[in-house]
């Protein structure tokens, strides 16, 4: 979750375009299904406020009431700009409504929320905010673990590029590259099978020699996805686009995760544009 929050800030232009939005209910909503239903009715209206995307974390208080904490991305800067405070105040008025109308003209009251909310730019860096943001997840998990119930505590907008996953992919591109390197390392030591490696180097041979294995150079990759997993920093947009949509999505996700541009061509150490495998190998050569 922390990795995704940090990647979220990179995806939408940095911390200056991200803010924290906390939503509360006027009633004591203790049913998670009802809380989620009300938020689903609100999501479509967020775009009209200039909110491009969000990641949400549900918090349940000791009295049983649900709150929703969001990190949201705006198209307009919300800090370090002369008009940032004016922009945020305009958004607050649209969300909360006016006191003259008892806040009934606000978006929250119309969608089943209470008008009391919190909207402010995130403090300091995204990494520090990620730790604070995910503390709600830990707190709520402690509240729920005695009830033996399954509820979804995290919600993502569909356009969020996730940087981490709790699912282990044993046959993903990076896992395939690791096994390929382990095979090359074993054969360079005279072992043709995993059993031979275990007999010669012990049952934990991959762990004990992980540094040497990770340094092995793969002469030719077994698929485009494996190539991208190792060389996404050096493969330009034009080349990966010809590999197909799935390969492009994988390349795009890795570039966003590392905070790299998806349109600017990378260059070799000598200034030439990287367009082929030979150039990429040259770029990996130490200066």
C-alpha atoms as a PDB file:
ATOM      1  CA  UNK A   1       0.000   0.000   0.000  1.00  0.00           C
ATOM      2  CA  UNK A   2       2.822   2.386   0.832  1.00  0.00           C
ATOM      3  CA  UNK A   3       4.515   1.641  -2.503  1.00  0.00           C
ATOM      4  CA  UNK A   4       1.271   2.340  -4.344  1.00  0.00           C
ATOM      5  CA  UNK A   5       0.801   5.684  -2.563  1.00  0.00           C
ATOM      6  CA  UNK A   6       4.355   6.745  -3.431  1.00  0.00           C
ATOM      7  CA  UNK A   7       3.838   5.647  -7.038  1.00  0.00           C
ATOM      8  CA  UNK A   8       0.512   7.498  -7.143  1.00  0.00           C
ATOM      9  CA  UNK A   9       2.268  10.813  -6.470  1.00  0.00           C
ATOM     10  CA  UNK A  10       4.818  10.111  -9.210  1.00  0.00           C
ATOM     11  CA  UNK A  11       2.089   9.120 -11.661  1.00  0.00           C
ATOM     12  CA  UNK A  12       0.185  12.414 -11.315  1.00  0.00           C
ATOM     13  CA  UNK A  13       3.037  14.898 -11.358  1.00  0.00           C
ATOM     14  CA  UNK A  14       4.387  14.894  -7.801  1.00  0.00           C
ATOM     15  CA  UNK A  15       3.319  15.861  -4.298  1.00  0.00           C
ATOM     16  CA  UNK A  16       2.241  19.369  -5.372  1.00  0.00           C
ATOM     17  CA  UNK A  17      -0.751  17.892  -7.202  1.00  0.00           C
ATOM     18  CA  UNK A  18      -1.867  15.511  -4.457  1.00  0.00           C
ATOM     19  CA  UNK A  19      -4.074  16.148  -1.447  1.00  0.00           C
ATOM     20  CA  UNK A  20      -5.675  14.247   1.414  1.00  0.00           C
ATOM     21  CA  UNK A  21      -9.461  14.096   1.495  1.00  0.00           C
ATOM     22  CA  UNK A  22     -11.299  12.629   4.512  1.00  0.00           C
ATOM     23  CA  UNK A  23     -15.023  11.894   4.211  1.00  0.00           C
ATOM     24  CA  UNK A  24     -17.393  11.321   7.121  1.00  0.00           C
ATOM     25  CA  UNK A  25     -21.069  10.419   7.451  1.00  0.00           C
ATOM     26  CA  UNK A  26     -23.697  12.450   9.254  1.00  0.00           C
ATOM     27  CA  UNK A  27     -25.188   9.273  10.684  1.00  0.00           C
ATOM     28  CA  UNK A  28     -23.354   6.565  12.572  1.00  0.00           C
ATOM     29  CA  UNK A  29     -22.846   4.254   9.580  1.00  0.00           C
ATOM     30  CA  UNK A  30     -21.599   0.944  10.953  1.00  0.00           C
ATOM     31  CA  UNK A  31     -22.353  -1.237   7.911  1.00  0.00           C
ATOM     32  CA  UNK A  32     -19.442  -1.317   5.487  1.00  0.00           C
ATOM     33  CA  UNK A  33     -21.735  -2.202   2.561  1.00  0.00           C
ATOM     34  CA  UNK A  34     -23.806   0.949   3.099  1.00  0.00           C
ATOM     35  CA  UNK A  35     -20.673   3.096   3.418  1.00  0.00           C
ATOM     36  CA  UNK A  36     -19.310   1.677   0.160  1.00  0.00           C
ATOM     37  CA  UNK A  37     -22.645   2.216  -1.606  1.00  0.00           C
ATOM     38  CA  UNK A  38     -22.634   5.905  -0.721  1.00  0.00           C
ATOM     39  CA  UNK A  39     -19.043   6.339  -1.874  1.00  0.00           C
ATOM     40  CA  UNK A  40     -19.844   4.639  -5.192  1.00  0.00           C
ATOM     41  CA  UNK A  41     -22.523   7.264  -5.777  1.00  0.00           C
ATOM     42  CA  UNK A  42     -19.937   9.978  -5.122  1.00  0.00           C
ATOM     43  CA  UNK A  43     -17.111   8.688  -7.327  1.00  0.00           C
ATOM     44  CA  UNK A  44     -18.555   9.865 -10.636  1.00  0.00           C
ATOM     45  CA  UNK A  45     -18.937  13.405  -9.294  1.00  0.00           C
ATOM     46  CA  UNK A  46     -15.283  13.694  -8.250  1.00  0.00           C
ATOM     47  CA  UNK A  47     -14.179  14.280 -11.835  1.00  0.00           C
ATOM     48  CA  UNK A  48     -16.230  17.476 -12.020  1.00  0.00           C
ATOM     49  CA  UNK A  49     -14.220  18.842  -9.093  1.00  0.00           C
ATOM     50  CA  UNK A  50     -10.945  18.401 -10.982  1.00  0.00           C
ATOM     51  CA  UNK A  51      -9.983  15.182  -9.212  1.00  0.00           C
ATOM     52  CA  UNK A  52      -8.180  12.934 -11.691  1.00  0.00           C
ATOM     53  CA  UNK A  53      -7.683   9.836  -9.552  1.00  0.00           C
ATOM     54  CA  UNK A  54      -7.634   8.527  -5.985  1.00  0.00           C
ATOM     55  CA  UNK A  55      -6.616   5.771  -3.579  1.00  0.00           C
ATOM     56  CA  UNK A  56      -8.850   5.274  -0.565  1.00  0.00           C
ATOM     57  CA  UNK A  57      -8.371   3.623   2.822  1.00  0.00           C
ATOM     58  CA  UNK A  58     -11.374   2.837   5.017  1.00  0.00           C
ATOM     59  CA  UNK A  59     -11.087   3.452   8.773  1.00  0.00           C
ATOM     60  CA  UNK A  60     -13.490   2.133  11.409  1.00  0.00           C
ATOM     61  CA  UNK A  61     -13.514   3.937  14.717  1.00  0.00           C
ATOM     62  CA  UNK A  62     -14.011   2.271  18.078  1.00  0.00           C
ATOM     63  CA  UNK A  63     -17.673   3.303  18.159  1.00  0.00           C
ATOM     64  CA  UNK A  64     -18.153   1.418  14.861  1.00  0.00           C
ATOM     65  CA  UNK A  65     -18.490   4.377  12.492  1.00  0.00           C
ATOM     66  CA  UNK A  66     -16.744   4.223   9.108  1.00  0.00           C
ATOM     67  CA  UNK A  67     -14.614   7.017   7.670  1.00  0.00           C
ATOM     68  CA  UNK A  68     -12.872   7.138   4.307  1.00  0.00           C
ATOM     69  CA  UNK A  69      -9.405   8.629   3.831  1.00  0.00           C
ATOM     70  CA  UNK A  70      -8.388   9.403   0.255  1.00  0.00           C
ATOM     71  CA  UNK A  71      -5.253  10.589  -1.449  1.00  0.00           C
ATOM     72  CA  UNK A  72      -6.498  12.424  -4.530  1.00  0.00           C
ATOM     73  CA  UNK A  73      -4.733  13.864  -7.575  1.00  0.00           C
ATOM     74  CA  UNK A  74      -5.774  17.211  -9.037  1.00  0.00           C
ATOM     75  CA  UNK A  75      -5.107  18.661 -12.459  1.00  0.00           C
ATOM     76  CA  UNK A  76      -4.197  21.916 -10.676  1.00  0.00           C
ATOM     77  CA  UNK A  77      -1.382  22.309  -8.150  1.00  0.00           C
ATOM     78  CA  UNK A  78      -2.619  22.452  -4.543  1.00  0.00           C
ATOM     79  CA  UNK A  79       0.578  23.752  -2.947  1.00  0.00           C
ATOM     80  CA  UNK A  80       3.656  25.847  -3.807  1.00  0.00           C
ATOM     81  CA  UNK A  81       1.606  27.920  -6.263  1.00  0.00           C
ATOM     82  CA  UNK A  82       0.200  31.449  -5.744  1.00  0.00           C
ATOM     83  CA  UNK A  83      -3.385  30.398  -6.503  1.00  0.00           C
ATOM     84  CA  UNK A  84      -3.284  26.993  -4.757  1.00  0.00           C
ATOM     85  CA  UNK A  85      -5.236  28.156  -1.683  1.00  0.00           C
ATOM     86  CA  UNK A  86      -7.898  29.795  -3.827  1.00  0.00           C
ATOM     87  CA  UNK A  87      -8.305  26.613  -5.856  1.00  0.00           C
ATOM     88  CA  UNK A  88      -8.619  24.421  -2.749  1.00  0.00           C
ATOM     89  CA  UNK A  89     -11.174  26.757  -1.192  1.00  0.00           C
ATOM     90  CA  UNK A  90     -13.279  26.582  -4.345  1.00  0.00           C
ATOM     91  CA  UNK A  91     -13.180  22.779  -4.166  1.00  0.00           C
ATOM     92  CA  UNK A  92     -14.121  22.848  -0.465  1.00  0.00           C
ATOM     93  CA  UNK A  93     -17.145  25.033  -1.209  1.00  0.00           C
ATOM     94  CA  UNK A  94     -18.283  22.597  -3.904  1.00  0.00           C
ATOM     95  CA  UNK A  95     -17.841  19.604  -1.590  1.00  0.00           C
ATOM     96  CA  UNK A  96     -19.153  21.045   1.668  1.00  0.00           C
ATOM     97  CA  UNK A  97     -21.667  23.646   0.472  1.00  0.00           C
ATOM     98  CA  UNK A  98     -22.454  26.998   2.030  1.00  0.00           C
ATOM     99  CA  UNK A  99     -23.485  27.679   5.621  1.00  0.00           C
ATOM    100  CA  UNK A 100     -26.294  29.985   4.404  1.00  0.00           C
ATOM    101  CA  UNK A 101     -28.009  26.976   2.825  1.00  0.00           C
ATOM    102  CA  UNK A 102     -27.179  24.701   5.773  1.00  0.00           C
ATOM    103  CA  UNK A 103     -24.666  22.926   3.505  1.00  0.00           C
ATOM    104  CA  UNK A 104     -27.502  21.280   1.594  1.00  0.00           C
ATOM    105  CA  UNK A 105     -26.108  22.625  -1.685  1.00  0.00           C
ATOM    106  CA  UNK A 106     -22.839  20.725  -1.156  1.00  0.00           C
ATOM    107  CA  UNK A 107     -21.907  17.530  -2.929  1.00  0.00           C
ATOM    108  CA  UNK A 108     -21.496  15.531   0.291  1.00  0.00           C
ATOM    109  CA  UNK A 109     -24.963  16.214   1.649  1.00  0.00           C
ATOM    110  CA  UNK A 110     -26.497  15.303  -1.702  1.00  0.00           C
ATOM    111  CA  UNK A 111     -24.694  11.936  -1.779  1.00  0.00           C
ATOM    112  CA  UNK A 112     -25.430  10.757   1.751  1.00  0.00           C
ATOM    113  CA  UNK A 113     -22.343  12.072   3.569  1.00  0.00           C
ATOM    114  CA  UNK A 114     -21.969  14.608   6.324  1.00  0.00           C
ATOM    115  CA  UNK A 115     -20.687  18.061   5.374  1.00  0.00           C
ATOM    116  CA  UNK A 116     -17.768  17.801   7.833  1.00  0.00           C
ATOM    117  CA  UNK A 117     -14.659  16.752   5.936  1.00  0.00           C
ATOM    118  CA  UNK A 118     -10.940  17.421   5.657  1.00  0.00           C
ATOM    119  CA  UNK A 119      -9.151  18.541   2.492  1.00  0.00           C
ATOM    120  CA  UNK A 120      -5.519  19.649   2.569  1.00  0.00           C
ATOM    121  CA  UNK A 121      -2.286  19.164   0.593  1.00  0.00           C
ATOM    122  CA  UNK A 122      -0.160  16.243   1.720  1.00  0.00           C
ATOM    123  CA  UNK A 123       2.654  17.223   4.038  1.00  0.00           C
ATOM    124  CA  UNK A 124       6.286  16.891   3.025  1.00  0.00           C
ATOM    125  CA  UNK A 125       7.131  13.886   0.827  1.00  0.00           C
ATOM    126  CA  UNK A 126       4.877  11.179  -0.557  1.00  0.00           C
ATOM    127  CA  UNK A 127       6.968   8.521   1.202  1.00  0.00           C
ATOM    128  CA  UNK A 128       6.324  10.037   4.639  1.00  0.00           C
ATOM    129  CA  UNK A 129       2.661  10.574   3.855  1.00  0.00           C
ATOM    130  CA  UNK A 130       2.363   6.933   2.736  1.00  0.00           C
ATOM    131  CA  UNK A 131       3.354   5.747   6.215  1.00  0.00           C
ATOM    132  CA  UNK A 132       0.808   8.045   7.838  1.00  0.00           C
ATOM    133  CA  UNK A 133      -1.892   7.091   5.330  1.00  0.00           C
ATOM    134  CA  UNK A 134      -1.485   3.350   5.793  1.00  0.00           C
ATOM    135  CA  UNK A 135      -1.613   3.643   9.591  1.00  0.00           C
ATOM    136  CA  UNK A 136      -5.406   3.769   9.195  1.00  0.00           C
ATOM    137  CA  UNK A 137      -5.223   0.357   7.557  1.00  0.00           C
ATOM    138  CA  UNK A 138      -3.301  -1.108  10.492  1.00  0.00           C
ATOM    139  CA  UNK A 139      -5.641   0.493  13.036  1.00  0.00           C
ATOM    140  CA  UNK A 140      -8.786  -0.824  11.322  1.00  0.00           C
ATOM    141  CA  UNK A 141      -7.319  -4.301  10.884  1.00  0.00           C
ATOM    142  CA  UNK A 142      -6.752  -4.476  14.643  1.00  0.00           C
ATOM    143  CA  UNK A 143     -10.363  -3.425  15.210  1.00  0.00           C
ATOM    144  CA  UNK A 144     -11.726  -6.089  12.856  1.00  0.00           C
ATOM    145  CA  UNK A 145      -9.523  -9.102  13.467  1.00  0.00           C
ATOM    146  CA  UNK A 146     -11.577 -10.296  16.454  1.00  0.00           C
ATOM    147  CA  UNK A 147     -14.785 -10.306  14.382  1.00  0.00           C
ATOM    148  CA  UNK A 148     -13.561 -12.803  11.776  1.00  0.00           C
ATOM    149  CA  UNK A 149     -15.170 -10.833   8.963  1.00  0.00           C
ATOM    150  CA  UNK A 150     -13.891 -10.065   5.483  1.00  0.00           C
ATOM    151  CA  UNK A 151     -14.213  -6.468   4.292  1.00  0.00           C
ATOM    152  CA  UNK A 152     -12.336  -4.542   1.642  1.00  0.00           C
ATOM    153  CA  UNK A 153     -10.364  -1.756   3.309  1.00  0.00           C
ATOM    154  CA  UNK A 154      -8.676  -0.293   0.221  1.00  0.00           C
ATOM    155  CA  UNK A 155     -10.232   1.176  -2.909  1.00  0.00           C
ATOM    156  CA  UNK A 156      -8.497   2.296  -6.110  1.00  0.00           C
ATOM    157  CA  UNK A 157      -9.586   4.376  -9.067  1.00  0.00           C
ATOM    158  CA  UNK A 158      -9.417   2.431 -12.295  1.00  0.00           C
ATOM    159  CA  UNK A 159      -6.650   4.614 -13.758  1.00  0.00           C
ATOM    160  CA  UNK A 160      -4.214   4.070 -10.873  1.00  0.00           C
ATOM    161  CA  UNK A 161      -0.984   2.361 -11.927  1.00  0.00           C
ATOM    162  CA  UNK A 162      -0.214  -0.025  -9.085  1.00  0.00           C
ATOM    163  CA  UNK A 163       3.433  -0.366  -8.107  1.00  0.00           C
ATOM    164  CA  UNK A 164       3.129  -3.388  -5.846  1.00  0.00           C
ATOM    165  CA  UNK A 165       1.033  -6.499  -5.429  1.00  0.00           C
ATOM    166  CA  UNK A 166       0.353  -9.012  -2.669  1.00  0.00           C
ATOM    167  CA  UNK A 167       0.097 -11.752  -5.275  1.00  0.00           C
ATOM    168  CA  UNK A 168       3.268 -13.743  -5.888  1.00  0.00           C
ATOM    169  CA  UNK A 169       3.863 -14.355  -9.597  1.00  0.00           C
ATOM    170  CA  UNK A 170       6.061 -17.425  -9.823  1.00  0.00           C
ATOM    171  CA  UNK A 171       5.954 -17.398 -13.623  1.00  0.00           C
ATOM    172  CA  UNK A 172       6.174 -13.674 -14.316  1.00  0.00           C
ATOM    173  CA  UNK A 173       8.852 -12.116 -16.566  1.00  0.00           C
ATOM    174  CA  UNK A 174      11.181 -11.282 -13.695  1.00  0.00           C
ATOM    175  CA  UNK A 175      10.802 -14.749 -12.187  1.00  0.00           C
ATOM    176  CA  UNK A 176      11.603 -16.271 -15.562  1.00  0.00           C
ATOM    177  CA  UNK A 177      14.712 -14.088 -15.836  1.00  0.00           C
ATOM    178  CA  UNK A 178      15.832 -15.188 -12.368  1.00  0.00           C
ATOM    179  CA  UNK A 179      15.479 -18.866 -13.256  1.00  0.00           C
ATOM    180  CA  UNK A 180      17.292 -18.220 -16.531  1.00  0.00           C
ATOM    181  CA  UNK A 181      20.179 -16.574 -14.673  1.00  0.00           C
ATOM    182  CA  UNK A 182      20.242 -19.385 -12.103  1.00  0.00           C
ATOM    183  CA  UNK A 183      20.461 -21.888 -14.958  1.00  0.00           C
ATOM    184  CA  UNK A 184      23.339 -19.979 -16.581  1.00  0.00           C
ATOM    185  CA  UNK A 185      25.163 -19.725 -13.251  1.00  0.00           C
ATOM    186  CA  UNK A 186      24.707 -23.446 -12.517  1.00  0.00           C
ATOM    187  CA  UNK A 187      25.983 -24.502 -15.953  1.00  0.00           C
ATOM    188  CA  UNK A 188      29.008 -22.217 -15.587  1.00  0.00           C
ATOM    189  CA  UNK A 189      29.822 -24.234 -12.432  1.00  0.00           C
ATOM    190  CA  UNK A 190      29.420 -27.565 -14.177  1.00  0.00           C
ATOM    191  CA  UNK A 191      25.909 -28.375 -12.884  1.00  0.00           C
ATOM    192  CA  UNK A 192      23.303 -29.344 -15.459  1.00  0.00           C
ATOM    193  CA  UNK A 193      20.348 -29.853 -13.068  1.00  0.00           C
ATOM    194  CA  UNK A 194      19.054 -28.301  -9.819  1.00  0.00           C
ATOM    195  CA  UNK A 195      19.735 -31.595  -8.070  1.00  0.00           C
ATOM    196  CA  UNK A 196      23.396 -31.363  -9.066  1.00  0.00           C
ATOM    197  CA  UNK A 197      23.563 -27.832  -7.599  1.00  0.00           C
ATOM    198  CA  UNK A 198      22.039 -29.012  -4.341  1.00  0.00           C
ATOM    199  CA  UNK A 199      24.550 -31.842  -4.120  1.00  0.00           C
ATOM    200  CA  UNK A 200      27.499 -29.561  -4.850  1.00  0.00           C
ATOM    201  CA  UNK A 201      26.519 -26.283  -3.142  1.00  0.00           C
ATOM    202  CA  UNK A 202      23.802 -27.257  -0.653  1.00  0.00           C
ATOM    203  CA  UNK A 203      20.015 -26.868  -0.550  1.00  0.00           C
ATOM    204  CA  UNK A 204      20.193 -23.057  -0.258  1.00  0.00           C
ATOM    205  CA  UNK A 205      22.534 -22.546  -3.189  1.00  0.00           C
ATOM    206  CA  UNK A 206      20.330 -19.907  -4.869  1.00  0.00           C
ATOM    207  CA  UNK A 207      20.112 -17.813  -1.719  1.00  0.00           C
ATOM    208  CA  UNK A 208      23.791 -18.105  -0.824  1.00  0.00           C
ATOM    209  CA  UNK A 209      24.896 -17.124  -4.346  1.00  0.00           C
ATOM    210  CA  UNK A 210      22.072 -14.674  -5.128  1.00  0.00           C
ATOM    211  CA  UNK A 211      24.462 -11.773  -5.781  1.00  0.00           C
ATOM    212  CA  UNK A 212      26.462 -13.747  -8.321  1.00  0.00           C
ATOM    213  CA  UNK A 213      23.281 -15.046  -9.957  1.00  0.00           C
ATOM    214  CA  UNK A 214      21.732 -11.577 -10.254  1.00  0.00           C
ATOM    215  CA  UNK A 215      24.917 -10.324 -11.951  1.00  0.00           C
ATOM    216  CA  UNK A 216      24.710 -12.951 -14.715  1.00  0.00           C
ATOM    217  CA  UNK A 217      24.188 -11.430 -18.174  1.00  0.00           C
ATOM    218  CA  UNK A 218      21.420 -13.021 -20.232  1.00  0.00           C
ATOM    219  CA  UNK A 219      22.648 -13.299 -23.855  1.00  0.00           C
ATOM    220  CA  UNK A 220      19.147 -13.607 -25.351  1.00  0.00           C
ATOM    221  CA  UNK A 221      15.765 -13.275 -23.680  1.00  0.00           C
ATOM    222  CA  UNK A 222      13.071 -15.897 -24.013  1.00  0.00           C
ATOM    223  CA  UNK A 223      10.275 -13.392 -24.646  1.00  0.00           C
ATOM    224  CA  UNK A 224       9.630  -9.678 -25.146  1.00  0.00           C
ATOM    225  CA  UNK A 225       8.228  -9.483 -21.623  1.00  0.00           C
ATOM    226  CA  UNK A 226      11.473 -10.844 -20.173  1.00  0.00           C
ATOM    227  CA  UNK A 227      13.407  -8.300 -22.235  1.00  0.00           C
ATOM    228  CA  UNK A 228      11.240  -5.464 -20.900  1.00  0.00           C
ATOM    229  CA  UNK A 229      11.574  -6.676 -17.297  1.00  0.00           C
ATOM    230  CA  UNK A 230      15.348  -6.129 -17.446  1.00  0.00           C
ATOM    231  CA  UNK A 231      15.632  -3.244 -19.912  1.00  0.00           C
ATOM    232  CA  UNK A 232      12.516  -1.105 -19.465  1.00  0.00           C
ATOM    233  CA  UNK A 233      14.745   1.876 -18.587  1.00  0.00           C
ATOM    234  CA  UNK A 234      16.447   1.709 -21.987  1.00  0.00           C
ATOM    235  CA  UNK A 235      13.750   0.526 -24.417  1.00  0.00           C
ATOM    236  CA  UNK A 236      12.173   3.547 -26.167  1.00  0.00           C
ATOM    237  CA  UNK A 237       8.473   4.042 -26.742  1.00  0.00           C
ATOM    238  CA  UNK A 238       8.637   3.300 -30.483  1.00  0.00           C
ATOM    239  CA  UNK A 239      10.260  -0.082 -29.985  1.00  0.00           C
ATOM    240  CA  UNK A 240       8.009  -1.356 -27.210  1.00  0.00           C
ATOM    241  CA  UNK A 241       4.890  -0.176 -29.041  1.00  0.00           C
ATOM    242  CA  UNK A 242       5.667  -2.680 -31.795  1.00  0.00           C
ATOM    243  CA  UNK A 243       5.784  -5.544 -29.251  1.00  0.00           C
ATOM    244  CA  UNK A 244       2.024  -5.472 -28.670  1.00  0.00           C
ATOM    245  CA  UNK A 245      -0.448  -3.991 -26.214  1.00  0.00           C
ATOM    246  CA  UNK A 246       0.299  -6.362 -23.313  1.00  0.00           C
ATOM    247  CA  UNK A 247       4.032  -5.670 -23.570  1.00  0.00           C
ATOM    248  CA  UNK A 248       3.359  -1.944 -23.753  1.00  0.00           C
ATOM    249  CA  UNK A 249       1.217  -2.062 -20.582  1.00  0.00           C
ATOM    250  CA  UNK A 250       3.971  -3.913 -18.715  1.00  0.00           C
ATOM    251  CA  UNK A 251       6.615  -1.422 -19.913  1.00  0.00           C
ATOM    252  CA  UNK A 252       4.371   1.511 -19.019  1.00  0.00           C
ATOM    253  CA  UNK A 253       3.770   0.174 -15.487  1.00  0.00           C
ATOM    254  CA  UNK A 254       7.476  -0.308 -14.798  1.00  0.00           C
ATOM    255  CA  UNK A 255       8.357   3.152 -16.140  1.00  0.00           C
ATOM    256  CA  UNK A 256       5.725   4.846 -13.975  1.00  0.00           C
ATOM    257  CA  UNK A 257       6.847   2.860 -10.935  1.00  0.00           C
ATOM    258  CA  UNK A 258      10.399   4.187 -11.325  1.00  0.00           C
ATOM    259  CA  UNK A 259       9.228   7.733 -12.046  1.00  0.00           C
ATOM    260  CA  UNK A 260      10.474   7.662 -15.650  1.00  0.00           C
ATOM    261  CA  UNK A 261       8.953   9.456 -18.613  1.00  0.00           C
ATOM    262  CA  UNK A 262       6.902   7.390 -21.047  1.00  0.00           C
ATOM    263  CA  UNK A 263       7.462   9.678 -24.014  1.00  0.00           C
ATOM    264  CA  UNK A 264      11.059  10.889 -23.803  1.00  0.00           C
ATOM    265  CA  UNK A 265      13.621   8.631 -25.459  1.00  0.00           C
ATOM    266  CA  UNK A 266      16.426   7.447 -23.206  1.00  0.00           C
ATOM    267  CA  UNK A 267      19.966   8.092 -24.386  1.00  0.00           C
ATOM    268  CA  UNK A 268      23.277   6.272 -24.139  1.00  0.00           C
ATOM    269  CA  UNK A 269      26.160   7.581 -22.101  1.00  0.00           C
ATOM    270  CA  UNK A 270      27.616   9.145 -25.276  1.00  0.00           C
ATOM    271  CA  UNK A 271      24.366  11.003 -26.092  1.00  0.00           C
ATOM    272  CA  UNK A 272      23.104   8.760 -28.900  1.00  0.00           C
ATOM    273  CA  UNK A 273      19.461   7.650 -28.843  1.00  0.00           C
ATOM    274  CA  UNK A 274      18.886   4.081 -27.671  1.00  0.00           C
ATOM    275  CA  UNK A 275      17.011   2.194 -30.378  1.00  0.00           C
ATOM    276  CA  UNK A 276      18.410  -1.333 -30.529  1.00  0.00           C
ATOM    277  CA  UNK A 277      19.754  -4.064 -28.239  1.00  0.00           C
ATOM    278  CA  UNK A 278      23.375  -3.152 -29.027  1.00  0.00           C
ATOM    279  CA  UNK A 279      22.791   0.405 -27.867  1.00  0.00           C
ATOM    280  CA  UNK A 280      21.059  -0.770 -24.690  1.00  0.00           C
ATOM    281  CA  UNK A 281      23.949  -3.066 -23.825  1.00  0.00           C
ATOM    282  CA  UNK A 282      26.296  -0.137 -24.366  1.00  0.00           C
ATOM    283  CA  UNK A 283      24.197   1.964 -21.983  1.00  0.00           C
ATOM    284  CA  UNK A 284      24.619  -0.692 -19.283  1.00  0.00           C
ATOM    285  CA  UNK A 285      28.411  -0.410 -19.510  1.00  0.00           C
ATOM    286  CA  UNK A 286      29.891   1.513 -16.531  1.00  0.00           C
ATOM    287  CA  UNK A 287      31.185   4.994 -17.279  1.00  0.00           C
END
